[in-house]
């Protein structure tokens, strides 16, 4: 049994020797560094929070009206999601340059959009900031507020996929979902100076 075990160790040594020699030749004298290069670390992210700058309205599009003389002006306020993304300790920086956004309104999915973005999650660090999924969503605004009329729906769901790479050229995707609220303030929609013409009195028979 001892001789058999010795032969097995000898064969294993012969198999490992060429691999170690190759690593030493490629990586210099430090074999440990060469082994490290075989295992390229990849960023490991997690989204810990999705909130809004408006704690009452949440992630939302708020429509309102103002008047300039006889001209009715429609304005929109976009309360974007504020997102916190954490990277694990010792893992490389990530840069997101694109995102895919899918909106579902009243059970109907609007075609997904691929939009440019620039978000950096530091090595071993955290990103916390606003991600503009609403102010760039022309198709969503047109669907919910057709021709700048009152909101046709009160809520939707936004599904967001961030696309990027880390400093070791690993592809990184990160997803989050958020409810979206829609609201119209009808104040000033009707011109207060406009008066309704009285109906003519019926003629006596």
N, C-alpha and C. Protein backbone atom coordinates (compact mmCIF):
# COMPACT_ATOMS: atom_id res chain seq x y z
N UNK A 1 0.83 -1.21 0.00
CA UNK A 1 0.00 0.00 0.00
C UNK A 1 0.86 1.26 0.00
N UNK A 2 1.97 1.21 0.80
CA UNK A 2 2.85 2.38 0.85
C UNK A 2 3.48 2.66 -0.49
N UNK A 3 3.90 1.59 -1.18
CA UNK A 3 4.52 1.78 -2.50
C UNK A 3 3.52 2.36 -3.49
N UNK A 4 2.27 1.91 -3.40
CA UNK A 4 1.24 2.43 -4.30
C UNK A 4 0.98 3.90 -4.05
N UNK A 5 0.95 4.30 -2.78
CA UNK A 5 0.73 5.70 -2.43
C UNK A 5 1.88 6.57 -2.92
N UNK A 6 3.12 6.04 -2.80
CA UNK A 6 4.29 6.79 -3.26
C UNK A 6 4.24 6.99 -4.78
N UNK A 7 3.82 5.94 -5.50
CA UNK A 7 3.74 6.06 -6.96
C UNK A 7 2.69 7.10 -7.36
N UNK A 8 1.56 7.16 -6.62
CA UNK A 8 0.52 8.14 -6.91
C UNK A 8 1.03 9.56 -6.69
N UNK A 9 1.76 9.77 -5.61
CA UNK A 9 2.32 11.10 -5.35
C UNK A 9 3.33 11.48 -6.40
N UNK A 10 4.14 10.52 -6.85
CA UNK A 10 5.15 10.78 -7.87
C UNK A 10 4.48 11.21 -9.19
N UNK A 11 3.40 10.49 -9.57
CA UNK A 11 2.67 10.84 -10.81
C UNK A 11 2.06 12.22 -10.69
N UNK A 12 1.46 12.53 -9.51
CA UNK A 12 0.85 13.84 -9.31
C UNK A 12 1.89 14.94 -9.40
N UNK A 13 3.09 14.70 -8.86
CA UNK A 13 4.17 15.69 -8.94
C UNK A 13 4.56 15.95 -10.39
N UNK A 14 4.63 14.87 -11.18
CA UNK A 14 4.98 15.04 -12.59
C UNK A 14 3.94 15.84 -13.34
N UNK A 15 2.67 15.69 -12.96
CA UNK A 15 1.60 16.44 -13.62
C UNK A 15 1.62 17.91 -13.23
N UNK A 16 1.94 18.20 -11.97
CA UNK A 16 1.93 19.58 -11.50
C UNK A 16 3.17 20.36 -11.93
N UNK A 17 4.29 19.69 -12.13
CA UNK A 17 5.55 20.37 -12.41
C UNK A 17 5.49 21.23 -13.66
N UNK A 18 4.97 20.74 -14.82
CA UNK A 18 4.91 21.62 -16.00
C UNK A 18 4.05 22.86 -15.79
N UNK A 19 2.92 22.70 -15.05
CA UNK A 19 2.04 23.85 -14.82
C UNK A 19 2.73 24.91 -13.99
N UNK A 20 3.45 24.46 -12.92
CA UNK A 20 4.15 25.42 -12.06
C UNK A 20 5.28 26.09 -12.82
N UNK A 21 5.98 25.31 -13.66
CA UNK A 21 7.07 25.89 -14.46
C UNK A 21 6.56 26.95 -15.41
N UNK A 22 5.39 26.70 -16.02
CA UNK A 22 4.81 27.67 -16.97
C UNK A 22 4.42 28.94 -16.25
N UNK A 23 3.78 28.78 -15.08
CA UNK A 23 3.36 29.95 -14.32
C UNK A 23 4.55 30.77 -13.89
N UNK A 24 5.63 30.11 -13.45
CA UNK A 24 6.83 30.82 -13.01
C UNK A 24 7.45 31.59 -14.17
N UNK A 25 7.46 30.99 -15.36
CA UNK A 25 8.06 31.65 -16.52
C UNK A 25 7.27 32.87 -16.93
N UNK A 26 5.91 32.79 -16.83
CA UNK A 26 5.06 33.91 -17.26
C UNK A 26 5.03 35.01 -16.22
N UNK A 27 5.09 34.64 -14.94
CA UNK A 27 4.86 35.63 -13.90
C UNK A 27 6.11 36.07 -13.18
N UNK A 28 7.26 35.69 -13.62
CA UNK A 28 8.47 36.11 -12.94
C UNK A 28 8.80 35.18 -11.81
N UNK A 29 9.47 35.70 -10.80
CA UNK A 29 9.93 34.85 -9.71
C UNK A 29 8.86 34.59 -8.66
N UNK A 30 7.84 35.46 -8.62
CA UNK A 30 6.83 35.32 -7.58
C UNK A 30 5.71 34.41 -8.06
N UNK A 31 5.76 33.14 -7.69
CA UNK A 31 4.76 32.17 -8.11
C UNK A 31 3.40 32.53 -7.52
N UNK A 32 3.39 33.10 -6.31
CA UNK A 32 2.12 33.48 -5.69
C UNK A 32 1.36 34.49 -6.52
N UNK A 33 2.06 35.49 -7.05
CA UNK A 33 1.40 36.49 -7.90
C UNK A 33 0.86 35.85 -9.17
N UNK A 34 1.59 34.87 -9.70
CA UNK A 34 1.14 34.20 -10.91
C UNK A 34 -0.15 33.43 -10.66
N UNK A 35 -0.24 32.80 -9.50
CA UNK A 35 -1.47 32.10 -9.18
C UNK A 35 -2.64 33.08 -9.04
N UNK A 36 -2.37 34.25 -8.47
CA UNK A 36 -3.42 35.25 -8.30
C UNK A 36 -3.96 35.70 -9.66
N UNK A 37 -3.07 35.78 -10.66
CA UNK A 37 -3.50 36.23 -11.97
C UNK A 37 -4.43 35.24 -12.64
N UNK A 38 -4.41 33.97 -12.19
CA UNK A 38 -5.32 32.98 -12.76
C UNK A 38 -6.75 33.21 -12.29
N UNK A 39 -6.95 33.89 -11.19
CA UNK A 39 -8.26 34.13 -10.62
C UNK A 39 -8.53 35.63 -10.60
N UNK A 40 -9.09 36.12 -11.69
CA UNK A 40 -9.34 37.56 -11.83
C UNK A 40 -10.60 37.90 -11.05
N UNK A 41 -10.50 38.76 -10.04
CA UNK A 41 -11.69 39.08 -9.23
C UNK A 41 -12.74 39.84 -10.04
N UNK A 42 -13.99 39.55 -9.73
CA UNK A 42 -15.13 40.18 -10.39
C UNK A 42 -15.95 40.94 -9.36
N UNK A 43 -16.38 42.14 -9.73
CA UNK A 43 -17.19 42.93 -8.81
C UNK A 43 -18.46 42.18 -8.43
N UNK A 44 -18.87 42.33 -7.19
CA UNK A 44 -20.07 41.67 -6.68
C UNK A 44 -20.93 42.76 -6.03
N UNK A 45 -21.95 43.20 -6.76
CA UNK A 45 -22.75 44.35 -6.33
C UNK A 45 -24.08 43.92 -5.74
N UNK A 46 -24.64 44.79 -4.93
CA UNK A 46 -26.00 44.59 -4.41
C UNK A 46 -26.66 45.95 -4.26
N UNK A 47 -27.95 46.02 -4.61
CA UNK A 47 -28.74 47.24 -4.43
C UNK A 47 -29.41 47.16 -3.07
N UNK A 48 -29.10 48.10 -2.21
CA UNK A 48 -29.58 48.05 -0.83
C UNK A 48 -30.75 48.99 -0.58
N UNK A 49 -31.00 49.94 -1.51
CA UNK A 49 -32.07 50.90 -1.26
C UNK A 49 -32.53 51.54 -2.56
N UNK A 50 -33.85 51.68 -2.73
CA UNK A 50 -34.43 52.44 -3.85
C UNK A 50 -35.48 53.35 -3.24
N UNK A 51 -35.22 54.66 -3.28
CA UNK A 51 -36.14 55.63 -2.68
C UNK A 51 -36.41 56.74 -3.69
N UNK A 52 -36.91 57.87 -3.20
CA UNK A 52 -37.17 59.04 -4.04
C UNK A 52 -36.86 60.30 -3.25
N UNK A 53 -36.56 61.37 -3.98
CA UNK A 53 -36.30 62.65 -3.31
C UNK A 53 -37.58 63.22 -2.70
N UNK A 54 -38.72 62.70 -3.15
CA UNK A 54 -40.02 63.13 -2.62
C UNK A 54 -40.60 61.97 -1.81
N UNK A 55 -40.49 62.01 -0.47
CA UNK A 55 -40.95 60.89 0.35
C UNK A 55 -42.46 60.69 0.31
N UNK A 56 -43.21 61.72 -0.09
CA UNK A 56 -44.67 61.61 -0.13
C UNK A 56 -45.13 61.03 -1.46
N UNK A 57 -44.65 61.57 -2.56
CA UNK A 57 -45.07 61.14 -3.89
C UNK A 57 -44.29 59.93 -4.38
N UNK A 58 -43.11 59.70 -3.81
CA UNK A 58 -42.28 58.58 -4.25
C UNK A 58 -41.73 58.79 -5.66
N UNK A 59 -41.34 57.70 -6.32
CA UNK A 59 -40.89 57.76 -7.71
C UNK A 59 -42.12 58.09 -8.55
N UNK A 60 -42.12 59.24 -9.21
CA UNK A 60 -43.37 59.71 -9.81
C UNK A 60 -43.15 60.75 -10.90
N UNK A 61 -44.22 60.90 -11.71
CA UNK A 61 -44.31 62.00 -12.68
C UNK A 61 -45.54 62.81 -12.31
N UNK A 62 -45.33 64.09 -12.01
CA UNK A 62 -46.41 64.97 -11.57
C UNK A 62 -46.66 66.01 -12.66
N UNK A 63 -47.88 66.07 -13.15
CA UNK A 63 -48.25 66.99 -14.23
C UNK A 63 -49.02 68.18 -13.63
N UNK A 64 -48.71 69.37 -14.12
CA UNK A 64 -49.43 70.56 -13.69
C UNK A 64 -49.55 71.53 -14.86
N UNK A 65 -50.36 72.57 -14.68
CA UNK A 65 -50.62 73.54 -15.75
C UNK A 65 -50.41 74.96 -15.25
N UNK A 66 -49.88 75.80 -16.12
CA UNK A 66 -49.79 77.23 -15.87
C UNK A 66 -50.29 77.94 -17.12
N UNK A 67 -50.60 79.22 -16.97
CA UNK A 67 -51.09 79.99 -18.11
C UNK A 67 -50.23 81.22 -18.32
N UNK A 68 -50.00 81.51 -19.58
CA UNK A 68 -49.34 82.75 -19.99
C UNK A 68 -50.28 83.42 -20.97
N UNK A 69 -51.06 84.35 -20.44
CA UNK A 69 -52.11 84.95 -21.26
C UNK A 69 -53.16 83.88 -21.56
N UNK A 70 -53.41 83.65 -22.83
CA UNK A 70 -54.38 82.63 -23.22
C UNK A 70 -53.72 81.29 -23.52
N UNK A 71 -52.40 81.22 -23.33
CA UNK A 71 -51.66 79.99 -23.65
C UNK A 71 -51.56 79.09 -22.43
N UNK A 72 -51.96 77.84 -22.62
CA UNK A 72 -51.87 76.85 -21.55
C UNK A 72 -50.54 76.12 -21.66
N UNK A 73 -49.77 76.10 -20.58
CA UNK A 73 -48.45 75.47 -20.56
C UNK A 73 -48.49 74.27 -19.62
N UNK A 74 -48.07 73.12 -20.14
CA UNK A 74 -48.03 71.89 -19.35
C UNK A 74 -46.61 71.65 -18.86
N UNK A 75 -46.47 71.38 -17.58
CA UNK A 75 -45.15 71.08 -17.02
C UNK A 75 -45.19 69.74 -16.30
N UNK A 76 -44.02 69.13 -16.22
CA UNK A 76 -43.90 67.83 -15.56
C UNK A 76 -42.75 67.88 -14.56
N UNK A 77 -42.98 67.30 -13.41
CA UNK A 77 -41.93 67.14 -12.41
C UNK A 77 -41.61 65.66 -12.32
N UNK A 78 -40.32 65.34 -12.49
CA UNK A 78 -39.88 63.95 -12.47
C UNK A 78 -39.15 63.66 -11.15
N UNK A 79 -39.77 62.86 -10.33
CA UNK A 79 -39.12 62.41 -9.09
C UNK A 79 -38.44 61.07 -9.38
N UNK A 80 -37.16 61.13 -9.69
CA UNK A 80 -36.41 59.95 -10.12
C UNK A 80 -36.09 59.03 -8.93
N UNK A 81 -35.85 57.75 -9.20
CA UNK A 81 -35.42 56.86 -8.11
C UNK A 81 -34.00 57.18 -7.64
N UNK A 82 -33.82 57.22 -6.34
CA UNK A 82 -32.50 57.37 -5.75
C UNK A 82 -32.05 55.98 -5.30
N UNK A 83 -30.94 55.52 -5.86
CA UNK A 83 -30.53 54.12 -5.70
C UNK A 83 -29.18 54.04 -4.99
N UNK A 84 -29.06 53.08 -4.08
CA UNK A 84 -27.79 52.81 -3.41
C UNK A 84 -27.28 51.44 -3.87
N UNK A 85 -26.05 51.43 -4.42
CA UNK A 85 -25.44 50.19 -4.92
C UNK A 85 -24.12 49.99 -4.17
N UNK A 86 -23.97 48.83 -3.55
CA UNK A 86 -22.76 48.53 -2.78
C UNK A 86 -21.92 47.47 -3.47
N UNK A 87 -20.60 47.68 -3.43
CA UNK A 87 -19.63 46.70 -3.95
C UNK A 87 -18.97 46.03 -2.75
N UNK A 88 -18.67 44.75 -2.88
CA UNK A 88 -18.03 44.04 -1.77
C UNK A 88 -16.58 44.47 -1.60
N UNK A 89 -16.09 44.31 -0.38
CA UNK A 89 -14.73 44.70 -0.03
C UNK A 89 -13.71 43.98 -0.89
N UNK A 90 -12.76 44.75 -1.43
CA UNK A 90 -11.66 44.18 -2.18
C UNK A 90 -11.96 43.89 -3.64
N UNK A 91 -13.15 44.25 -4.11
CA UNK A 91 -13.52 43.95 -5.49
C UNK A 91 -13.46 45.21 -6.35
N UNK A 92 -13.25 45.04 -7.68
CA UNK A 92 -12.91 46.18 -8.55
C UNK A 92 -14.08 47.13 -8.82
N UNK A 93 -13.70 48.34 -9.23
CA UNK A 93 -14.65 49.38 -9.60
C UNK A 93 -15.50 48.94 -10.79
N UNK A 94 -16.75 49.45 -10.83
CA UNK A 94 -17.66 49.17 -11.95
C UNK A 94 -18.13 50.48 -12.55
N UNK A 95 -18.15 50.55 -13.88
CA UNK A 95 -18.70 51.71 -14.58
C UNK A 95 -19.86 51.23 -15.45
N UNK A 96 -21.05 51.76 -15.18
CA UNK A 96 -22.24 51.47 -15.99
C UNK A 96 -22.41 52.58 -17.02
N UNK A 97 -22.54 52.19 -18.29
CA UNK A 97 -22.68 53.18 -19.36
C UNK A 97 -24.00 53.07 -20.12
N UNK A 98 -24.77 52.05 -19.82
CA UNK A 98 -26.07 51.88 -20.47
C UNK A 98 -27.06 51.30 -19.48
N UNK A 99 -28.35 51.51 -19.77
CA UNK A 99 -29.40 50.85 -19.01
C UNK A 99 -30.56 50.52 -19.93
N UNK A 100 -31.23 49.42 -19.63
CA UNK A 100 -32.44 49.02 -20.34
C UNK A 100 -33.61 49.20 -19.39
N UNK A 101 -34.61 49.97 -19.84
CA UNK A 101 -35.76 50.28 -18.98
C UNK A 101 -37.03 49.75 -19.64
N UNK A 102 -37.80 49.01 -18.87
CA UNK A 102 -39.08 48.46 -19.34
C UNK A 102 -40.18 48.97 -18.42
N UNK A 103 -41.20 49.62 -19.00
CA UNK A 103 -42.33 50.14 -18.23
C UNK A 103 -43.56 49.28 -18.51
N UNK A 104 -44.31 49.01 -17.44
CA UNK A 104 -45.58 48.30 -17.58
C UNK A 104 -46.67 49.18 -16.97
N UNK A 105 -47.62 49.60 -17.82
CA UNK A 105 -48.69 50.50 -17.40
C UNK A 105 -50.02 49.78 -17.56
N UNK A 106 -50.73 49.60 -16.45
CA UNK A 106 -52.02 48.95 -16.52
C UNK A 106 -52.00 47.58 -17.16
N UNK A 107 -50.95 46.83 -16.93
CA UNK A 107 -50.84 45.50 -17.51
C UNK A 107 -50.29 45.47 -18.92
N UNK A 108 -50.03 46.63 -19.50
CA UNK A 108 -49.48 46.71 -20.86
C UNK A 108 -48.03 47.13 -20.81
N UNK A 109 -47.14 46.35 -21.42
CA UNK A 109 -45.71 46.65 -21.43
C UNK A 109 -45.39 47.59 -22.59
N UNK A 110 -44.73 48.69 -22.28
CA UNK A 110 -44.22 49.59 -23.31
C UNK A 110 -42.88 49.04 -23.80
N UNK A 111 -42.60 49.08 -25.11
CA UNK A 111 -41.32 48.54 -25.60
C UNK A 111 -40.13 49.06 -24.81
N UNK A 112 -39.23 48.16 -24.48
CA UNK A 112 -38.05 48.51 -23.66
C UNK A 112 -37.17 49.53 -24.40
N UNK A 113 -36.53 50.38 -23.62
CA UNK A 113 -35.62 51.38 -24.15
C UNK A 113 -34.21 51.12 -23.62
N UNK A 114 -33.21 51.29 -24.50
CA UNK A 114 -31.81 51.24 -24.09
C UNK A 114 -31.30 52.68 -24.07
N UNK A 115 -30.86 53.13 -22.91
CA UNK A 115 -30.51 54.54 -22.72
C UNK A 115 -29.08 54.68 -22.20
N UNK A 116 -28.39 55.76 -22.60
CA UNK A 116 -27.05 55.99 -22.07
C UNK A 116 -27.10 56.48 -20.63
N UNK A 117 -26.07 56.13 -19.88
CA UNK A 117 -25.98 56.56 -18.48
C UNK A 117 -24.52 56.48 -18.07
N UNK A 118 -24.16 57.15 -17.00
CA UNK A 118 -22.80 57.05 -16.48
C UNK A 118 -22.86 56.97 -14.96
N UNK A 119 -22.64 55.77 -14.44
CA UNK A 119 -22.66 55.52 -12.99
C UNK A 119 -21.39 54.76 -12.63
N UNK A 120 -20.70 55.22 -11.59
CA UNK A 120 -19.49 54.56 -11.14
C UNK A 120 -19.68 54.05 -9.72
N UNK A 121 -19.46 52.75 -9.55
CA UNK A 121 -19.46 52.15 -8.21
C UNK A 121 -18.00 51.89 -7.85
N UNK A 122 -17.46 52.59 -6.86
CA UNK A 122 -16.02 52.48 -6.56
C UNK A 122 -15.62 51.07 -6.11
N UNK A 123 -14.33 50.77 -6.25
CA UNK A 123 -13.78 49.54 -5.69
C UNK A 123 -14.02 49.53 -4.19
N UNK A 124 -14.57 48.45 -3.69
CA UNK A 124 -14.86 48.30 -2.25
C UNK A 124 -15.78 49.38 -1.73
N UNK A 125 -16.50 50.09 -2.62
CA UNK A 125 -17.26 51.25 -2.18
C UNK A 125 -18.73 51.21 -2.55
N UNK A 126 -19.37 52.39 -2.48
CA UNK A 126 -20.81 52.52 -2.64
C UNK A 126 -21.15 53.68 -3.55
N UNK A 127 -22.12 53.48 -4.42
CA UNK A 127 -22.73 54.56 -5.19
C UNK A 127 -24.10 54.85 -4.60
N UNK A 128 -24.41 56.14 -4.45
CA UNK A 128 -25.74 56.54 -4.02
C UNK A 128 -26.13 57.78 -4.78
N UNK A 129 -27.18 57.68 -5.59
CA UNK A 129 -27.57 58.84 -6.38
C UNK A 129 -28.81 58.56 -7.21
N UNK A 130 -29.24 59.60 -7.92
CA UNK A 130 -30.44 59.53 -8.73
C UNK A 130 -30.14 58.88 -10.08
N UNK A 131 -31.06 58.04 -10.56
CA UNK A 131 -30.92 57.41 -11.86
C UNK A 131 -32.10 57.88 -12.72
N UNK A 132 -31.84 58.60 -13.83
CA UNK A 132 -32.90 59.26 -14.60
C UNK A 132 -33.67 58.31 -15.53
N UNK A 133 -34.62 57.57 -14.96
CA UNK A 133 -35.42 56.67 -15.79
C UNK A 133 -36.72 57.32 -16.26
N UNK A 134 -37.08 58.49 -15.71
CA UNK A 134 -38.35 59.12 -16.03
C UNK A 134 -38.21 60.31 -16.98
N UNK A 135 -37.25 61.18 -16.71
CA UNK A 135 -37.09 62.38 -17.54
C UNK A 135 -36.68 62.05 -18.96
N UNK A 136 -36.18 60.85 -19.18
CA UNK A 136 -35.78 60.40 -20.52
C UNK A 136 -36.84 59.51 -21.16
N UNK A 137 -37.98 59.33 -20.47
CA UNK A 137 -38.98 58.35 -20.90
C UNK A 137 -40.11 59.03 -21.68
N UNK A 138 -39.80 59.48 -22.90
CA UNK A 138 -40.80 60.16 -23.72
C UNK A 138 -41.98 59.24 -24.03
N UNK A 139 -41.69 57.96 -24.30
CA UNK A 139 -42.77 57.02 -24.63
C UNK A 139 -43.71 56.83 -23.45
N UNK A 140 -43.16 56.85 -22.23
CA UNK A 140 -43.99 56.69 -21.04
C UNK A 140 -44.89 57.90 -20.85
N UNK A 141 -44.33 59.09 -20.99
CA UNK A 141 -45.11 60.32 -20.84
C UNK A 141 -46.23 60.37 -21.88
N UNK A 142 -45.90 60.03 -23.14
CA UNK A 142 -46.91 60.06 -24.20
C UNK A 142 -48.02 59.04 -23.96
N UNK A 143 -47.67 57.93 -23.33
CA UNK A 143 -48.66 56.90 -23.06
C UNK A 143 -49.59 57.28 -21.92
N UNK A 144 -49.03 57.86 -20.87
CA UNK A 144 -49.82 58.16 -19.68
C UNK A 144 -50.52 59.52 -19.79
N UNK A 145 -49.86 60.49 -20.44
CA UNK A 145 -50.42 61.83 -20.58
C UNK A 145 -50.55 62.17 -22.08
N UNK A 146 -51.45 61.48 -22.81
CA UNK A 146 -51.53 61.70 -24.26
C UNK A 146 -51.89 63.14 -24.61
N UNK A 147 -51.07 63.74 -25.47
CA UNK A 147 -51.28 65.13 -25.90
C UNK A 147 -51.39 66.09 -24.72
N UNK A 148 -50.64 65.79 -23.64
CA UNK A 148 -50.60 66.63 -22.44
C UNK A 148 -51.94 66.70 -21.71
N UNK A 149 -52.81 65.72 -21.93
CA UNK A 149 -54.06 65.67 -21.18
C UNK A 149 -53.83 65.00 -19.84
N UNK A 150 -54.90 64.91 -19.05
CA UNK A 150 -54.78 64.36 -17.71
C UNK A 150 -54.28 62.91 -17.75
N UNK A 151 -53.67 62.48 -16.64
CA UNK A 151 -53.12 61.13 -16.56
C UNK A 151 -54.20 60.09 -16.79
N UNK A 152 -53.89 59.13 -17.66
CA UNK A 152 -54.83 58.04 -17.96
C UNK A 152 -54.64 56.85 -17.03
N UNK A 153 -53.59 56.88 -16.23
CA UNK A 153 -53.31 55.80 -15.27
C UNK A 153 -52.67 56.42 -14.04
N UNK A 154 -52.82 55.76 -12.91
CA UNK A 154 -52.27 56.30 -11.67
C UNK A 154 -50.95 55.66 -11.27
N UNK A 155 -50.59 54.54 -11.90
CA UNK A 155 -49.36 53.86 -11.48
C UNK A 155 -48.81 52.98 -12.59
N UNK A 156 -47.55 52.59 -12.42
CA UNK A 156 -46.86 51.70 -13.36
C UNK A 156 -45.72 51.02 -12.61
N UNK A 157 -45.07 50.10 -13.30
CA UNK A 157 -43.88 49.45 -12.77
C UNK A 157 -42.73 49.70 -13.73
N UNK A 158 -41.59 50.08 -13.19
CA UNK A 158 -40.38 50.26 -14.00
C UNK A 158 -39.35 49.20 -13.64
N UNK A 159 -38.89 48.45 -14.65
CA UNK A 159 -37.85 47.44 -14.45
C UNK A 159 -36.58 47.93 -15.14
N UNK A 160 -35.51 48.05 -14.39
CA UNK A 160 -34.28 48.67 -14.88
C UNK A 160 -33.13 47.67 -14.80
N UNK A 161 -32.38 47.56 -15.90
CA UNK A 161 -31.17 46.73 -15.92
C UNK A 161 -29.99 47.62 -16.29
N UNK A 162 -29.04 47.75 -15.38
CA UNK A 162 -27.83 48.52 -15.62
C UNK A 162 -26.79 47.62 -16.28
N UNK A 163 -26.10 48.15 -17.30
CA UNK A 163 -25.11 47.37 -18.05
C UNK A 163 -23.75 48.06 -17.96
N UNK A 164 -22.72 47.30 -17.55
CA UNK A 164 -21.39 47.91 -17.43
C UNK A 164 -20.30 46.87 -17.37
N UNK A 165 -19.09 47.34 -17.07
CA UNK A 165 -17.93 46.46 -16.91
C UNK A 165 -17.15 46.91 -15.67
N UNK A 166 -16.45 45.95 -15.05
CA UNK A 166 -15.58 46.34 -13.95
C UNK A 166 -14.16 46.56 -14.48
N UNK A 167 -13.24 46.91 -13.60
CA UNK A 167 -11.87 47.25 -14.02
C UNK A 167 -11.09 46.05 -14.53
N UNK A 168 -11.63 44.85 -14.35
CA UNK A 168 -11.00 43.66 -14.90
C UNK A 168 -11.70 43.16 -16.16
N UNK A 169 -12.51 44.07 -16.75
CA UNK A 169 -13.24 43.79 -18.00
C UNK A 169 -14.27 42.68 -17.87
N UNK A 170 -14.76 42.45 -16.66
CA UNK A 170 -15.89 41.54 -16.48
C UNK A 170 -17.19 42.28 -16.77
N UNK A 171 -18.08 41.66 -17.52
CA UNK A 171 -19.39 42.26 -17.78
C UNK A 171 -20.22 42.20 -16.51
N UNK A 172 -20.86 43.32 -16.17
CA UNK A 172 -21.65 43.41 -14.94
C UNK A 172 -23.05 43.90 -15.28
N UNK A 173 -24.07 43.21 -14.79
CA UNK A 173 -25.45 43.68 -14.90
C UNK A 173 -26.05 43.78 -13.51
N UNK A 174 -26.89 44.78 -13.33
CA UNK A 174 -27.54 44.96 -12.04
C UNK A 174 -28.98 45.39 -12.28
N UNK A 175 -29.93 44.76 -11.60
CA UNK A 175 -31.34 45.03 -11.85
C UNK A 175 -32.03 45.57 -10.60
N UNK A 176 -33.03 46.43 -10.86
CA UNK A 176 -33.94 46.82 -9.78
C UNK A 176 -35.30 47.16 -10.38
N UNK A 177 -36.32 47.08 -9.54
CA UNK A 177 -37.69 47.38 -9.95
C UNK A 177 -38.26 48.43 -9.01
N UNK A 178 -39.07 49.34 -9.56
CA UNK A 178 -39.66 50.38 -8.73
C UNK A 178 -41.08 50.69 -9.19
N UNK A 179 -41.99 50.93 -8.25
CA UNK A 179 -43.31 51.43 -8.65
C UNK A 179 -43.19 52.89 -9.08
N UNK A 180 -44.05 53.30 -10.00
CA UNK A 180 -44.06 54.68 -10.50
C UNK A 180 -45.48 55.23 -10.35
N UNK A 181 -45.57 56.43 -9.84
CA UNK A 181 -46.87 57.06 -9.61
C UNK A 181 -47.08 58.20 -10.60
N UNK A 182 -48.33 58.38 -11.07
CA UNK A 182 -48.68 59.48 -11.97
C UNK A 182 -49.79 60.31 -11.33
N UNK A 183 -49.68 61.63 -11.51
CA UNK A 183 -50.66 62.51 -10.89
C UNK A 183 -50.80 63.79 -11.72
N UNK A 184 -52.04 64.28 -11.85
CA UNK A 184 -52.32 65.53 -12.55
C UNK A 184 -52.93 66.52 -11.58
N UNK A 185 -52.39 67.73 -11.55
CA UNK A 185 -53.00 68.83 -10.81
C UNK A 185 -53.77 69.68 -11.82
N UNK A 186 -55.11 69.63 -11.79
CA UNK A 186 -55.90 70.32 -12.82
C UNK A 186 -56.01 71.83 -12.63
N UNK A 187 -55.44 72.35 -11.53
CA UNK A 187 -55.49 73.79 -11.30
C UNK A 187 -54.94 74.54 -12.51
N UNK A 188 -55.64 75.58 -12.92
CA UNK A 188 -55.26 76.44 -14.06
C UNK A 188 -55.53 75.80 -15.42
N UNK A 189 -56.10 74.57 -15.41
CA UNK A 189 -56.39 73.96 -16.71
C UNK A 189 -57.45 74.77 -17.45
N UNK A 190 -58.48 75.24 -16.71
CA UNK A 190 -59.52 76.08 -17.30
C UNK A 190 -59.18 77.53 -17.03
N UNK A 191 -59.25 78.34 -18.07
CA UNK A 191 -58.95 79.77 -17.94
C UNK A 191 -60.03 80.42 -17.09
N UNK A 192 -59.66 80.95 -15.90
CA UNK A 192 -60.67 81.54 -15.02
C UNK A 192 -61.32 82.78 -15.60
N UNK A 193 -60.68 83.42 -16.57
CA UNK A 193 -61.25 84.64 -17.16
C UNK A 193 -62.32 84.32 -18.19
N UNK A 194 -62.35 83.03 -18.59
CA UNK A 194 -63.34 82.66 -19.60
C UNK A 194 -64.72 82.57 -18.95
N UNK A 195 -65.72 83.13 -19.59
CA UNK A 195 -67.08 83.08 -19.05
C UNK A 195 -67.97 82.33 -20.02
N UNK A 196 -68.96 81.69 -19.46
CA UNK A 196 -69.88 80.92 -20.28
C UNK A 196 -71.01 81.82 -20.74
N UNK A 197 -71.24 81.87 -22.04
CA UNK A 197 -72.32 82.71 -22.59
C UNK A 197 -73.66 82.15 -22.15
N UNK A 198 -74.55 83.03 -21.66
CA UNK A 198 -75.85 82.53 -21.21
C UNK A 198 -76.68 82.04 -22.40
N UNK A 199 -77.47 81.02 -22.15
CA UNK A 199 -78.35 80.51 -23.17
C UNK A 199 -79.48 81.49 -23.44
N UNK A 200 -79.92 81.63 -24.68
CA UNK A 200 -81.04 82.55 -24.95
C UNK A 200 -82.34 82.07 -24.29
N UNK A 201 -83.11 83.04 -23.83
CA UNK A 201 -84.37 82.68 -23.17
C UNK A 201 -85.34 82.12 -24.20
N UNK A 202 -86.04 81.11 -23.80
CA UNK A 202 -87.02 80.55 -24.75
C UNK A 202 -88.12 81.56 -25.07
N UNK A 203 -88.53 81.58 -26.32
CA UNK A 203 -89.58 82.52 -26.75
C UNK A 203 -90.94 82.05 -26.23
N UNK A 204 -91.71 83.05 -25.86
CA UNK A 204 -93.06 82.71 -25.41
C UNK A 204 -93.89 82.27 -26.60
N UNK A 205 -94.68 81.27 -26.42
CA UNK A 205 -95.51 80.79 -27.52
C UNK A 205 -96.77 81.64 -27.63
